């Protein structure tokens, strides 16, 4: 280890001030850590803008209807969302549970909703995302698949002539960092606004809304559920790890970096804010981005936190054989149980 590496290790291994301690009051710890995380993310608006929801299109698909809806998140920012509505809803007036599905790096919300980049039905292999928004609606959930800032239709104009999988993350993140904000924070707050919107839909049982995300979408799912107790169940795929073993161990997209976050807590403790609500993590054996060994370490830490709060029965994991990808083999049944 060089002197530089040793110095960097010293800077990033100090225990965060809000690492969970056995026996401490849950309410006090969670309030303090949530406050610290919000500050590190750049803060959120004091007042929410009006949603001003508009339906852009409505298309019948195999077993469900797909809407393209647009809402206001921040003042001056509009977010398109795919809303997948199971056909069974047309035959009942009973609200159903809903899921917010957060895509990772790629070409955006179409990539998890059964489409090619141009919006045509998928003909190619689904890739790491496995069209998991479609898998969820097929299980009877109403699904919202938001277009995260920097991807798909929400790329900068200068990037729209690039291949669909090229994001605008780096430039957007750099601008926000220079303004004392973060791209991660924007994505988290915007996802809270998606929950606000879902709660207005008469088809949705607002007391049974969950969230699932993969990779960068796993970051969004983890932080959003940690900060917003309205989420009743959370699945984190290909992200649950430690900052040391993932974000700091290799070069990642700039959207992963949150200035000063380690001064608050390591990632397992941040995810632990979801306690005592149901939480499930997925990690592939061949995942080279967020290694399974670190995911197992994180899960062990989460088991400690959940056990200390008497909630170990609602914590689960699937350490599956595979890569950096959605599995769903156990996660979907787990969601059926808790939503």
C-alpha atoms as a PDB file:
ATOM      1  CA  UNK A   1       0.000   0.000   0.000  1.00  0.00           C
ATOM      2  CA  UNK A   2       1.450   3.366  -1.001  1.00  0.00           C
ATOM      3  CA  UNK A   3       1.455   6.408   1.261  1.00  0.00           C
ATOM      4  CA  UNK A   4      -1.324   7.930  -0.834  1.00  0.00           C
ATOM      5  CA  UNK A   5      -3.479   4.814  -0.522  1.00  0.00           C
ATOM      6  CA  UNK A   6      -2.834   4.684   3.212  1.00  0.00           C
ATOM      7  CA  UNK A   7      -3.808   8.332   3.549  1.00  0.00           C
ATOM      8  CA  UNK A   8      -7.036   7.838   1.598  1.00  0.00           C
ATOM      9  CA  UNK A   9      -7.916   4.819   3.707  1.00  0.00           C
ATOM     10  CA  UNK A  10      -7.476   6.888   6.856  1.00  0.00           C
ATOM     11  CA  UNK A  11      -9.824   9.519   5.439  1.00  0.00           C
ATOM     12  CA  UNK A  12     -12.604   7.054   4.649  1.00  0.00           C
ATOM     13  CA  UNK A  13     -12.551   4.401   7.373  1.00  0.00           C
ATOM     14  CA  UNK A  14     -13.466   6.544  10.366  1.00  0.00           C
ATOM     15  CA  UNK A  15     -16.747   5.340  11.846  1.00  0.00           C
ATOM     16  CA  UNK A  16     -19.621   7.642  10.969  1.00  0.00           C
ATOM     17  CA  UNK A  17     -21.157   9.678  13.774  1.00  0.00           C
ATOM     18  CA  UNK A  18     -24.538   7.997  13.335  1.00  0.00           C
ATOM     19  CA  UNK A  19     -23.513   4.367  12.957  1.00  0.00           C
ATOM     20  CA  UNK A  20     -26.175   2.294  14.677  1.00  0.00           C
ATOM     21  CA  UNK A  21     -25.332   1.319  18.253  1.00  0.00           C
ATOM     22  CA  UNK A  22     -27.047  -1.562  20.008  1.00  0.00           C
ATOM     23  CA  UNK A  23     -29.550  -0.393  22.584  1.00  0.00           C
ATOM     24  CA  UNK A  24     -29.866   3.191  21.409  1.00  0.00           C
ATOM     25  CA  UNK A  25     -33.400   4.521  20.882  1.00  0.00           C
ATOM     26  CA  UNK A  26     -34.477   3.812  17.293  1.00  0.00           C
ATOM     27  CA  UNK A  27     -36.437   7.046  16.912  1.00  0.00           C
ATOM     28  CA  UNK A  28     -33.571   9.286  17.993  1.00  0.00           C
ATOM     29  CA  UNK A  29     -30.982   7.483  15.843  1.00  0.00           C
ATOM     30  CA  UNK A  30     -33.146   7.419  12.732  1.00  0.00           C
ATOM     31  CA  UNK A  31     -34.115  11.091  13.046  1.00  0.00           C
ATOM     32  CA  UNK A  32     -30.490  12.173  13.422  1.00  0.00           C
ATOM     33  CA  UNK A  33     -29.160  10.036  10.579  1.00  0.00           C
ATOM     34  CA  UNK A  34     -31.984  10.988   8.212  1.00  0.00           C
ATOM     35  CA  UNK A  35     -31.299  14.653   8.876  1.00  0.00           C
ATOM     36  CA  UNK A  36     -27.610  14.153   8.146  1.00  0.00           C
ATOM     37  CA  UNK A  37     -28.292  12.250   4.923  1.00  0.00           C
ATOM     38  CA  UNK A  38     -30.694  14.894   3.619  1.00  0.00           C
ATOM     39  CA  UNK A  39     -28.042  17.541   4.223  1.00  0.00           C
ATOM     40  CA  UNK A  40     -25.338  15.501   2.456  1.00  0.00           C
ATOM     41  CA  UNK A  41     -27.658  14.910  -0.506  1.00  0.00           C
ATOM     42  CA  UNK A  42     -28.014  18.678  -0.889  1.00  0.00           C
ATOM     43  CA  UNK A  43     -31.327  19.177   0.864  1.00  0.00           C
ATOM     44  CA  UNK A  44     -34.871  19.005  -0.462  1.00  0.00           C
ATOM     45  CA  UNK A  45     -37.333  21.789  -1.313  1.00  0.00           C
ATOM     46  CA  UNK A  46     -39.139  23.330   1.651  1.00  0.00           C
ATOM     47  CA  UNK A  47     -42.430  23.186  -0.259  1.00  0.00           C
ATOM     48  CA  UNK A  48     -43.414  20.623  -2.887  1.00  0.00           C
ATOM     49  CA  UNK A  49     -44.406  21.959  -6.291  1.00  0.00           C
ATOM     50  CA  UNK A  50     -47.838  21.035  -7.641  1.00  0.00           C
ATOM     51  CA  UNK A  51     -47.674  17.724  -9.491  1.00  0.00           C
ATOM     52  CA  UNK A  52     -49.647  18.939 -12.527  1.00  0.00           C
ATOM     53  CA  UNK A  53     -49.911  15.379 -13.831  1.00  0.00           C
ATOM     54  CA  UNK A  54     -50.611  14.884 -17.538  1.00  0.00           C
ATOM     55  CA  UNK A  55     -51.263  11.593 -19.344  1.00  0.00           C
ATOM     56  CA  UNK A  56     -49.220  11.595 -22.559  1.00  0.00           C
ATOM     57  CA  UNK A  57     -50.281   8.225 -23.971  1.00  0.00           C
ATOM     58  CA  UNK A  58     -52.231   5.092 -23.090  1.00  0.00           C
ATOM     59  CA  UNK A  59     -51.495   1.757 -24.801  1.00  0.00           C
ATOM     60  CA  UNK A  60     -52.999  -1.702 -24.309  1.00  0.00           C
ATOM     61  CA  UNK A  61     -50.336  -4.365 -23.760  1.00  0.00           C
ATOM     62  CA  UNK A  62     -50.449  -8.093 -23.037  1.00  0.00           C
ATOM     63  CA  UNK A  63     -52.208  -8.328 -19.678  1.00  0.00           C
ATOM     64  CA  UNK A  64     -51.864  -4.670 -18.712  1.00  0.00           C
ATOM     65  CA  UNK A  65     -52.297  -1.073 -19.867  1.00  0.00           C
ATOM     66  CA  UNK A  66     -49.261   1.177 -20.153  1.00  0.00           C
ATOM     67  CA  UNK A  67     -49.602   4.917 -19.615  1.00  0.00           C
ATOM     68  CA  UNK A  68     -46.941   7.562 -20.109  1.00  0.00           C
ATOM     69  CA  UNK A  69     -47.527  10.221 -17.459  1.00  0.00           C
ATOM     70  CA  UNK A  70     -45.573  13.395 -16.750  1.00  0.00           C
ATOM     71  CA  UNK A  71     -45.407  15.167 -13.385  1.00  0.00           C
ATOM     72  CA  UNK A  72     -43.622  18.162 -11.891  1.00  0.00           C
ATOM     73  CA  UNK A  73     -40.960  17.198  -9.350  1.00  0.00           C
ATOM     74  CA  UNK A  74     -38.806  20.245  -8.637  1.00  0.00           C
ATOM     75  CA  UNK A  75     -40.102  23.607  -9.808  1.00  0.00           C
ATOM     76  CA  UNK A  76     -38.885  23.756 -13.402  1.00  0.00           C
ATOM     77  CA  UNK A  77     -38.378  19.988 -13.781  1.00  0.00           C
ATOM     78  CA  UNK A  78     -40.839  17.545 -15.312  1.00  0.00           C
ATOM     79  CA  UNK A  79     -40.480  13.752 -15.014  1.00  0.00           C
ATOM     80  CA  UNK A  80     -42.042  11.201 -17.384  1.00  0.00           C
ATOM     81  CA  UNK A  81     -43.179   7.939 -15.804  1.00  0.00           C
ATOM     82  CA  UNK A  82     -44.520   4.715 -17.259  1.00  0.00           C
ATOM     83  CA  UNK A  83     -47.560   3.534 -15.295  1.00  0.00           C
ATOM     84  CA  UNK A  84     -48.351  -0.163 -15.788  1.00  0.00           C
ATOM     85  CA  UNK A  85     -51.892  -1.085 -14.803  1.00  0.00           C
ATOM     86  CA  UNK A  86     -52.937  -4.775 -14.589  1.00  0.00           C
ATOM     87  CA  UNK A  87     -56.025  -5.603 -16.641  1.00  0.00           C
ATOM     88  CA  UNK A  88     -57.742  -7.098 -13.582  1.00  0.00           C
ATOM     89  CA  UNK A  89     -58.206  -3.581 -12.231  1.00  0.00           C
ATOM     90  CA  UNK A  90     -60.862  -2.914 -14.855  1.00  0.00           C
ATOM     91  CA  UNK A  91     -63.045  -5.578 -13.183  1.00  0.00           C
ATOM     92  CA  UNK A  92     -62.778  -4.359  -9.599  1.00  0.00           C
ATOM     93  CA  UNK A  93     -63.077  -1.185  -7.587  1.00  0.00           C
ATOM     94  CA  UNK A  94     -60.678  -2.480  -4.930  1.00  0.00           C
ATOM     95  CA  UNK A  95     -57.359  -0.565  -4.797  1.00  0.00           C
ATOM     96  CA  UNK A  96     -54.244  -2.687  -5.258  1.00  0.00           C
ATOM     97  CA  UNK A  97     -50.678  -2.436  -3.928  1.00  0.00           C
ATOM     98  CA  UNK A  98     -48.215  -0.539  -6.095  1.00  0.00           C
ATOM     99  CA  UNK A  99     -44.488  -0.639  -6.781  1.00  0.00           C
ATOM    100  CA  UNK A 100     -42.060   2.017  -7.936  1.00  0.00           C
ATOM    101  CA  UNK A 101     -39.471   0.365 -10.205  1.00  0.00           C
ATOM    102  CA  UNK A 102     -36.137   2.213 -10.531  1.00  0.00           C
ATOM    103  CA  UNK A 103     -33.921   1.382 -13.490  1.00  0.00           C
ATOM    104  CA  UNK A 104     -30.139   1.449 -13.379  1.00  0.00           C
ATOM    105  CA  UNK A 105     -27.655   2.670 -15.983  1.00  0.00           C
ATOM    106  CA  UNK A 106     -28.871   2.013 -19.498  1.00  0.00           C
ATOM    107  CA  UNK A 107     -31.506   3.647 -21.660  1.00  0.00           C
ATOM    108  CA  UNK A 108     -34.010   4.473 -18.964  1.00  0.00           C
ATOM    109  CA  UNK A 109     -37.555   3.525 -18.056  1.00  0.00           C
ATOM    110  CA  UNK A 110     -38.226   1.771 -21.366  1.00  0.00           C
ATOM    111  CA  UNK A 111     -35.497  -0.727 -20.511  1.00  0.00           C
ATOM    112  CA  UNK A 112     -37.460  -2.139 -17.573  1.00  0.00           C
ATOM    113  CA  UNK A 113     -40.870  -1.842 -19.261  1.00  0.00           C
ATOM    114  CA  UNK A 114     -40.566  -4.281 -22.169  1.00  0.00           C
ATOM    115  CA  UNK A 115     -39.447  -1.814 -24.819  1.00  0.00           C
ATOM    116  CA  UNK A 116     -36.558  -1.033 -27.097  1.00  0.00           C
ATOM    117  CA  UNK A 117     -34.997   2.436 -26.802  1.00  0.00           C
ATOM    118  CA  UNK A 118     -37.376   3.859 -29.436  1.00  0.00           C
ATOM    119  CA  UNK A 119     -40.439   2.634 -27.535  1.00  0.00           C
ATOM    120  CA  UNK A 120     -41.205  -0.318 -29.802  1.00  0.00           C
ATOM    121  CA  UNK A 121     -41.926  -3.719 -28.215  1.00  0.00           C
ATOM    122  CA  UNK A 122     -38.818  -5.562 -27.110  1.00  0.00           C
ATOM    123  CA  UNK A 123     -37.284  -7.993 -29.597  1.00  0.00           C
ATOM    124  CA  UNK A 124     -33.764  -8.206 -28.116  1.00  0.00           C
ATOM    125  CA  UNK A 125     -32.705  -9.895 -24.873  1.00  0.00           C
ATOM    126  CA  UNK A 126     -33.818  -7.887 -21.811  1.00  0.00           C
ATOM    127  CA  UNK A 127     -30.332  -7.538 -20.320  1.00  0.00           C
ATOM    128  CA  UNK A 128     -29.576  -7.018 -16.631  1.00  0.00           C
ATOM    129  CA  UNK A 129     -32.905  -5.287 -15.924  1.00  0.00           C
ATOM    130  CA  UNK A 130     -34.971  -8.336 -16.998  1.00  0.00           C
ATOM    131  CA  UNK A 131     -38.018  -6.096 -17.721  1.00  0.00           C
ATOM    132  CA  UNK A 132     -38.729  -6.210 -14.009  1.00  0.00           C
ATOM    133  CA  UNK A 133     -41.444  -3.536 -14.164  1.00  0.00           C
ATOM    134  CA  UNK A 134     -43.369  -5.919 -16.441  1.00  0.00           C
ATOM    135  CA  UNK A 135     -42.712  -8.823 -14.065  1.00  0.00           C
ATOM    136  CA  UNK A 136     -44.199  -6.758 -11.247  1.00  0.00           C
ATOM    137  CA  UNK A 137     -47.361  -5.770 -13.109  1.00  0.00           C
ATOM    138  CA  UNK A 138     -47.814  -9.414 -14.078  1.00  0.00           C
ATOM    139  CA  UNK A 139     -47.896 -10.189 -10.357  1.00  0.00           C
ATOM    140  CA  UNK A 140     -50.857  -7.809  -9.969  1.00  0.00           C
ATOM    141  CA  UNK A 141     -49.043  -4.705  -8.755  1.00  0.00           C
ATOM    142  CA  UNK A 142     -49.691  -1.315 -10.268  1.00  0.00           C
ATOM    143  CA  UNK A 143     -46.216  -0.172 -11.291  1.00  0.00           C
ATOM    144  CA  UNK A 144     -44.603   3.229 -11.759  1.00  0.00           C
ATOM    145  CA  UNK A 145     -41.346   3.227 -13.746  1.00  0.00           C
ATOM    146  CA  UNK A 146     -39.922   6.765 -13.560  1.00  0.00           C
ATOM    147  CA  UNK A 147     -37.352   8.155 -15.994  1.00  0.00           C
ATOM    148  CA  UNK A 148     -34.482   8.981 -13.654  1.00  0.00           C
ATOM    149  CA  UNK A 149     -32.731  12.285 -14.282  1.00  0.00           C
ATOM    150  CA  UNK A 150     -29.914  11.886 -16.828  1.00  0.00           C
ATOM    151  CA  UNK A 151     -31.315   8.867 -18.698  1.00  0.00           C
ATOM    152  CA  UNK A 152     -33.573   8.241 -21.692  1.00  0.00           C
ATOM    153  CA  UNK A 153     -35.798  11.220 -22.467  1.00  0.00           C
ATOM    154  CA  UNK A 154     -34.120  13.178 -19.652  1.00  0.00           C
ATOM    155  CA  UNK A 155     -30.661  13.402 -21.148  1.00  0.00           C
ATOM    156  CA  UNK A 156     -29.045  16.686 -22.071  1.00  0.00           C
ATOM    157  CA  UNK A 157     -29.548  17.792 -25.680  1.00  0.00           C
ATOM    158  CA  UNK A 158     -25.839  17.303 -26.395  1.00  0.00           C
ATOM    159  CA  UNK A 159     -26.152  13.592 -25.538  1.00  0.00           C
ATOM    160  CA  UNK A 160     -29.335  12.765 -27.440  1.00  0.00           C
ATOM    161  CA  UNK A 161     -27.445  11.969 -30.645  1.00  0.00           C
ATOM    162  CA  UNK A 162     -25.295   9.472 -28.745  1.00  0.00           C
ATOM    163  CA  UNK A 163     -26.294   5.781 -28.392  1.00  0.00           C
ATOM    164  CA  UNK A 164     -29.346   5.367 -26.129  1.00  0.00           C
ATOM    165  CA  UNK A 165     -27.313   3.852 -23.309  1.00  0.00           C
ATOM    166  CA  UNK A 166     -25.073   6.919 -22.979  1.00  0.00           C
ATOM    167  CA  UNK A 167     -26.289   8.960 -20.027  1.00  0.00           C
ATOM    168  CA  UNK A 168     -25.903  12.606 -19.017  1.00  0.00           C
ATOM    169  CA  UNK A 169     -25.018  11.642 -15.438  1.00  0.00           C
ATOM    170  CA  UNK A 170     -21.527  13.110 -15.292  1.00  0.00           C
ATOM    171  CA  UNK A 171     -22.351  16.608 -16.525  1.00  0.00           C
ATOM    172  CA  UNK A 172     -25.582  16.892 -14.529  1.00  0.00           C
ATOM    173  CA  UNK A 173     -23.873  15.584 -11.398  1.00  0.00           C
ATOM    174  CA  UNK A 174     -20.946  18.014 -11.842  1.00  0.00           C
ATOM    175  CA  UNK A 175     -23.240  21.017 -12.226  1.00  0.00           C
ATOM    176  CA  UNK A 176     -25.257  20.037  -9.153  1.00  0.00           C
ATOM    177  CA  UNK A 177     -22.117  19.446  -7.066  1.00  0.00           C
ATOM    178  CA  UNK A 178     -20.860  22.913  -7.952  1.00  0.00           C
ATOM    179  CA  UNK A 179     -24.204  24.255  -6.677  1.00  0.00           C
ATOM    180  CA  UNK A 180     -23.915  22.339  -3.401  1.00  0.00           C
ATOM    181  CA  UNK A 181     -26.398  19.673  -4.460  1.00  0.00           C
ATOM    182  CA  UNK A 182     -26.178  16.095  -5.765  1.00  0.00           C
ATOM    183  CA  UNK A 183     -27.671  14.051  -8.568  1.00  0.00           C
ATOM    184  CA  UNK A 184     -28.394  11.261  -6.078  1.00  0.00           C
ATOM    185  CA  UNK A 185     -30.385  13.722  -3.981  1.00  0.00           C
ATOM    186  CA  UNK A 186     -32.396  14.881  -6.978  1.00  0.00           C
ATOM    187  CA  UNK A 187     -33.255  11.318  -7.930  1.00  0.00           C
ATOM    188  CA  UNK A 188     -34.284  10.471  -4.376  1.00  0.00           C
ATOM    189  CA  UNK A 189     -36.530  13.510  -4.001  1.00  0.00           C
ATOM    190  CA  UNK A 190     -38.080  12.977  -7.438  1.00  0.00           C
ATOM    191  CA  UNK A 191     -38.885   9.386  -6.493  1.00  0.00           C
ATOM    192  CA  UNK A 192     -40.672  10.647  -3.396  1.00  0.00           C
ATOM    193  CA  UNK A 193     -42.747  12.763  -5.765  1.00  0.00           C
ATOM    194  CA  UNK A 194     -43.607   9.617  -7.743  1.00  0.00           C
ATOM    195  CA  UNK A 195     -44.980   8.160  -4.515  1.00  0.00           C
ATOM    196  CA  UNK A 196     -46.967  11.381  -4.028  1.00  0.00           C
ATOM    197  CA  UNK A 197     -48.446  10.883  -7.487  1.00  0.00           C
ATOM    198  CA  UNK A 198     -49.243   7.188  -7.008  1.00  0.00           C
ATOM    199  CA  UNK A 199     -51.049   8.076  -3.795  1.00  0.00           C
ATOM    200  CA  UNK A 200     -53.479  10.222  -5.833  1.00  0.00           C
ATOM    201  CA  UNK A 201     -54.470   7.333  -8.113  1.00  0.00           C
ATOM    202  CA  UNK A 202     -57.760   5.714  -7.065  1.00  0.00           C
ATOM    203  CA  UNK A 203     -56.487   2.311  -8.267  1.00  0.00           C
ATOM    204  CA  UNK A 204     -53.697   2.347  -5.648  1.00  0.00           C
ATOM    205  CA  UNK A 205     -53.842   1.374  -1.992  1.00  0.00           C
ATOM    206  CA  UNK A 206     -51.652   4.202  -0.662  1.00  0.00           C
ATOM    207  CA  UNK A 207     -50.838   2.165   2.465  1.00  0.00           C
ATOM    208  CA  UNK A 208     -49.244  -0.584   0.340  1.00  0.00           C
ATOM    209  CA  UNK A 209     -46.632   1.060  -1.879  1.00  0.00           C
ATOM    210  CA  UNK A 210     -43.193  -0.490  -2.243  1.00  0.00           C
ATOM    211  CA  UNK A 211     -40.024   0.198  -4.194  1.00  0.00           C
ATOM    212  CA  UNK A 212     -37.508  -1.931  -6.105  1.00  0.00           C
ATOM    213  CA  UNK A 213     -34.329  -0.855  -7.898  1.00  0.00           C
ATOM    214  CA  UNK A 214     -31.244  -2.306  -9.550  1.00  0.00           C
ATOM    215  CA  UNK A 215     -27.707  -0.860  -9.447  1.00  0.00           C
ATOM    216  CA  UNK A 216     -28.016   2.950  -9.654  1.00  0.00           C
ATOM    217  CA  UNK A 217     -31.740   2.378  -9.239  1.00  0.00           C
ATOM    218  CA  UNK A 218     -30.832   0.352  -6.168  1.00  0.00           C
ATOM    219  CA  UNK A 219     -29.186   3.474  -4.761  1.00  0.00           C
ATOM    220  CA  UNK A 220     -32.417   5.377  -5.380  1.00  0.00           C
ATOM    221  CA  UNK A 221     -34.545   2.633  -3.824  1.00  0.00           C
ATOM    222  CA  UNK A 222     -32.278   2.302  -0.785  1.00  0.00           C
ATOM    223  CA  UNK A 223     -31.954   5.996   0.022  1.00  0.00           C
ATOM    224  CA  UNK A 224     -35.571   6.863  -0.775  1.00  0.00           C
ATOM    225  CA  UNK A 225     -36.980   4.086   1.415  1.00  0.00           C
ATOM    226  CA  UNK A 226     -34.491   4.975   4.164  1.00  0.00           C
ATOM    227  CA  UNK A 227     -35.684   8.595   4.182  1.00  0.00           C
ATOM    228  CA  UNK A 228     -39.399   8.135   3.484  1.00  0.00           C
ATOM    229  CA  UNK A 229     -41.270   5.832   5.860  1.00  0.00           C
ATOM    230  CA  UNK A 230     -44.297   5.708   3.544  1.00  0.00           C
ATOM    231  CA  UNK A 231     -42.647   2.879   1.585  1.00  0.00           C
ATOM    232  CA  UNK A 232     -43.992  -0.338   3.033  1.00  0.00           C
ATOM    233  CA  UNK A 233     -41.558  -2.806   1.406  1.00  0.00           C
ATOM    234  CA  UNK A 234     -38.212  -2.441  -0.362  1.00  0.00           C
ATOM    235  CA  UNK A 235     -36.160  -4.632  -2.699  1.00  0.00           C
ATOM    236  CA  UNK A 236     -32.562  -3.579  -3.373  1.00  0.00           C
ATOM    237  CA  UNK A 237     -30.904  -5.467  -6.217  1.00  0.00           C
ATOM    238  CA  UNK A 238     -27.238  -5.190  -7.184  1.00  0.00           C
ATOM    239  CA  UNK A 239     -26.466  -2.300  -4.824  1.00  0.00           C
ATOM    240  CA  UNK A 240     -26.559  -3.342  -1.130  1.00  0.00           C
ATOM    241  CA  UNK A 241     -22.886  -3.194  -0.209  1.00  0.00           C
ATOM    242  CA  UNK A 242     -20.421  -1.034   1.667  1.00  0.00           C
ATOM    243  CA  UNK A 243     -19.024   2.173   0.212  1.00  0.00           C
ATOM    244  CA  UNK A 244     -15.540   0.821   0.897  1.00  0.00           C
ATOM    245  CA  UNK A 245     -16.039  -2.372  -1.097  1.00  0.00           C
ATOM    246  CA  UNK A 246     -17.881  -0.858  -4.046  1.00  0.00           C
ATOM    247  CA  UNK A 247     -18.016   2.900  -4.632  1.00  0.00           C
ATOM    248  CA  UNK A 248     -14.476   3.474  -3.323  1.00  0.00           C
ATOM    249  CA  UNK A 249     -13.007   0.235  -4.668  1.00  0.00           C
ATOM    250  CA  UNK A 250     -13.339   0.993  -8.401  1.00  0.00           C
ATOM    251  CA  UNK A 251     -14.282   3.813 -10.735  1.00  0.00           C
ATOM    252  CA  UNK A 252     -18.018   4.440 -10.716  1.00  0.00           C
ATOM    253  CA  UNK A 253     -20.319   6.953 -12.367  1.00  0.00           C
ATOM    254  CA  UNK A 254     -20.192  10.352 -10.661  1.00  0.00           C
ATOM    255  CA  UNK A 255     -23.847  10.012  -9.665  1.00  0.00           C
ATOM    256  CA  UNK A 256     -22.806   7.558  -6.920  1.00  0.00           C
ATOM    257  CA  UNK A 257     -20.704  10.033  -4.965  1.00  0.00           C
ATOM    258  CA  UNK A 258     -22.237  11.973  -2.087  1.00  0.00           C
ATOM    259  CA  UNK A 259     -19.826  14.436  -0.436  1.00  0.00           C
ATOM    260  CA  UNK A 260     -19.286  13.705   3.236  1.00  0.00           C
ATOM    261  CA  UNK A 261     -21.701  10.771   3.459  1.00  0.00           C
ATOM    262  CA  UNK A 262     -19.160   8.627   5.338  1.00  0.00           C
ATOM    263  CA  UNK A 263     -19.105  11.260   8.088  1.00  0.00           C
ATOM    264  CA  UNK A 264     -22.710  10.220   8.783  1.00  0.00           C
ATOM    265  CA  UNK A 265     -22.625   6.426   8.372  1.00  0.00           C
ATOM    266  CA  UNK A 266     -21.593   3.545   6.131  1.00  0.00           C
ATOM    267  CA  UNK A 267     -24.092   2.193   3.611  1.00  0.00           C
ATOM    268  CA  UNK A 268     -25.356  -0.774   5.702  1.00  0.00           C
ATOM    269  CA  UNK A 269     -26.402   1.600   8.488  1.00  0.00           C
ATOM    270  CA  UNK A 270     -28.088   3.916   5.987  1.00  0.00           C
ATOM    271  CA  UNK A 271     -30.055   0.997   4.534  1.00  0.00           C
ATOM    272  CA  UNK A 272     -30.771  -0.010   8.131  1.00  0.00           C
ATOM    273  CA  UNK A 273     -32.978   3.086   8.456  1.00  0.00           C
ATOM    274  CA  UNK A 274     -35.637   1.019   6.692  1.00  0.00           C
ATOM    275  CA  UNK A 275     -36.076  -1.009   9.919  1.00  0.00           C
ATOM    276  CA  UNK A 276     -38.653  -2.207  11.007  1.00  0.00           C
ATOM    277  CA  UNK A 277     -40.252  -2.194   7.548  1.00  0.00           C
ATOM    278  CA  UNK A 278     -39.827  -5.208   5.218  1.00  0.00           C
ATOM    279  CA  UNK A 279     -36.531  -5.249   3.295  1.00  0.00           C
ATOM    280  CA  UNK A 280     -35.091  -7.711   0.773  1.00  0.00           C
ATOM    281  CA  UNK A 281     -31.745  -7.634  -1.015  1.00  0.00           C
ATOM    282  CA  UNK A 282     -30.516  -9.464  -4.130  1.00  0.00           C
ATOM    283  CA  UNK A 283     -26.847 -10.018  -5.007  1.00  0.00           C
ATOM    284  CA  UNK A 284     -25.332 -12.118  -7.801  1.00  0.00           C
ATOM    285  CA  UNK A 285     -22.309 -14.346  -7.245  1.00  0.00           C
ATOM    286  CA  UNK A 286     -20.534 -12.889 -10.281  1.00  0.00           C
ATOM    287  CA  UNK A 287     -21.425  -9.245  -9.684  1.00  0.00           C
ATOM    288  CA  UNK A 288     -18.205  -7.292 -10.243  1.00  0.00           C
ATOM    289  CA  UNK A 289     -19.796  -3.884  -9.641  1.00  0.00           C
ATOM    290  CA  UNK A 290     -21.251  -4.509  -6.181  1.00  0.00           C
ATOM    291  CA  UNK A 291     -19.567  -7.768  -5.100  1.00  0.00           C
ATOM    292  CA  UNK A 292     -21.607 -10.425  -3.370  1.00  0.00           C
ATOM    293  CA  UNK A 293     -19.080 -10.746  -0.525  1.00  0.00           C
ATOM    294  CA  UNK A 294     -19.778  -7.132   0.474  1.00  0.00           C
ATOM    295  CA  UNK A 295     -23.509  -7.732   0.076  1.00  0.00           C
ATOM    296  CA  UNK A 296     -23.260 -10.610   2.540  1.00  0.00           C
ATOM    297  CA  UNK A 297     -21.344  -8.361   4.933  1.00  0.00           C
ATOM    298  CA  UNK A 298     -24.078  -5.740   4.589  1.00  0.00           C
ATOM    299  CA  UNK A 299     -26.810  -8.303   5.163  1.00  0.00           C
ATOM    300  CA  UNK A 300     -25.107  -9.487   8.348  1.00  0.00           C
ATOM    301  CA  UNK A 301     -25.083  -5.891   9.602  1.00  0.00           C
ATOM    302  CA  UNK A 302     -28.743  -5.507   8.661  1.00  0.00           C
ATOM    303  CA  UNK A 303     -29.567  -8.707  10.547  1.00  0.00           C
ATOM    304  CA  UNK A 304     -28.050  -7.146  13.670  1.00  0.00           C
ATOM    305  CA  UNK A 305     -30.103  -3.967  13.287  1.00  0.00           C
ATOM    306  CA  UNK A 306     -33.340  -5.796  12.504  1.00  0.00           C
ATOM    307  CA  UNK A 307     -32.819  -8.287  15.352  1.00  0.00           C
ATOM    308  CA  UNK A 308     -32.211  -5.461  17.817  1.00  0.00           C
ATOM    309  CA  UNK A 309     -35.559  -3.988  16.796  1.00  0.00           C
ATOM    310  CA  UNK A 310     -37.361  -7.357  16.864  1.00  0.00           C
ATOM    311  CA  UNK A 311     -38.020  -7.212  13.115  1.00  0.00           C
ATOM    312  CA  UNK A 312     -35.812 -10.004  11.788  1.00  0.00           C
ATOM    313  CA  UNK A 313     -38.812 -11.824  10.277  1.00  0.00           C
ATOM    314  CA  UNK A 314     -39.313  -9.097   7.649  1.00  0.00           C
ATOM    315  CA  UNK A 315     -35.693  -9.096   6.420  1.00  0.00           C
ATOM    316  CA  UNK A 316     -34.689 -11.369   3.551  1.00  0.00           C
ATOM    317  CA  UNK A 317     -32.040 -11.916   0.900  1.00  0.00           C
ATOM    318  CA  UNK A 318     -31.284 -13.905  -2.231  1.00  0.00           C
ATOM    319  CA  UNK A 319     -27.593 -14.514  -2.872  1.00  0.00           C
ATOM    320  CA  UNK A 320     -28.140 -16.041  -6.274  1.00  0.00           C
ATOM    321  CA  UNK A 321     -25.869 -17.507  -8.942  1.00  0.00           C
ATOM    322  CA  UNK A 322     -25.520 -14.786 -11.580  1.00  0.00           C
ATOM    323  CA  UNK A 323     -24.069 -11.407 -12.337  1.00  0.00           C
ATOM    324  CA  UNK A 324     -24.961  -7.741 -11.916  1.00  0.00           C
ATOM    325  CA  UNK A 325     -28.638  -8.257 -12.723  1.00  0.00           C
ATOM    326  CA  UNK A 326     -32.165  -8.616 -11.451  1.00  0.00           C
ATOM    327  CA  UNK A 327     -33.059 -12.092 -10.254  1.00  0.00           C
ATOM    328  CA  UNK A 328     -36.591 -11.939  -8.887  1.00  0.00           C
ATOM    329  CA  UNK A 329     -36.593 -15.678  -8.157  1.00  0.00           C
ATOM    330  CA  UNK A 330     -37.391 -15.041  -4.489  1.00  0.00           C
ATOM    331  CA  UNK A 331     -38.004 -11.291  -4.392  1.00  0.00           C
ATOM    332  CA  UNK A 332     -41.377 -11.310  -6.167  1.00  0.00           C
ATOM    333  CA  UNK A 333     -42.843 -13.935  -3.831  1.00  0.00           C
ATOM    334  CA  UNK A 334     -41.465 -11.919  -0.900  1.00  0.00           C
ATOM    335  CA  UNK A 335     -43.263  -8.799  -2.170  1.00  0.00           C
ATOM    336  CA  UNK A 336     -46.503 -10.765  -2.507  1.00  0.00           C
ATOM    337  CA  UNK A 337     -46.140 -11.679   1.158  1.00  0.00           C
ATOM    338  CA  UNK A 338     -45.522  -8.190   2.504  1.00  0.00           C
ATOM    339  CA  UNK A 339     -47.613  -6.004   0.186  1.00  0.00           C
END
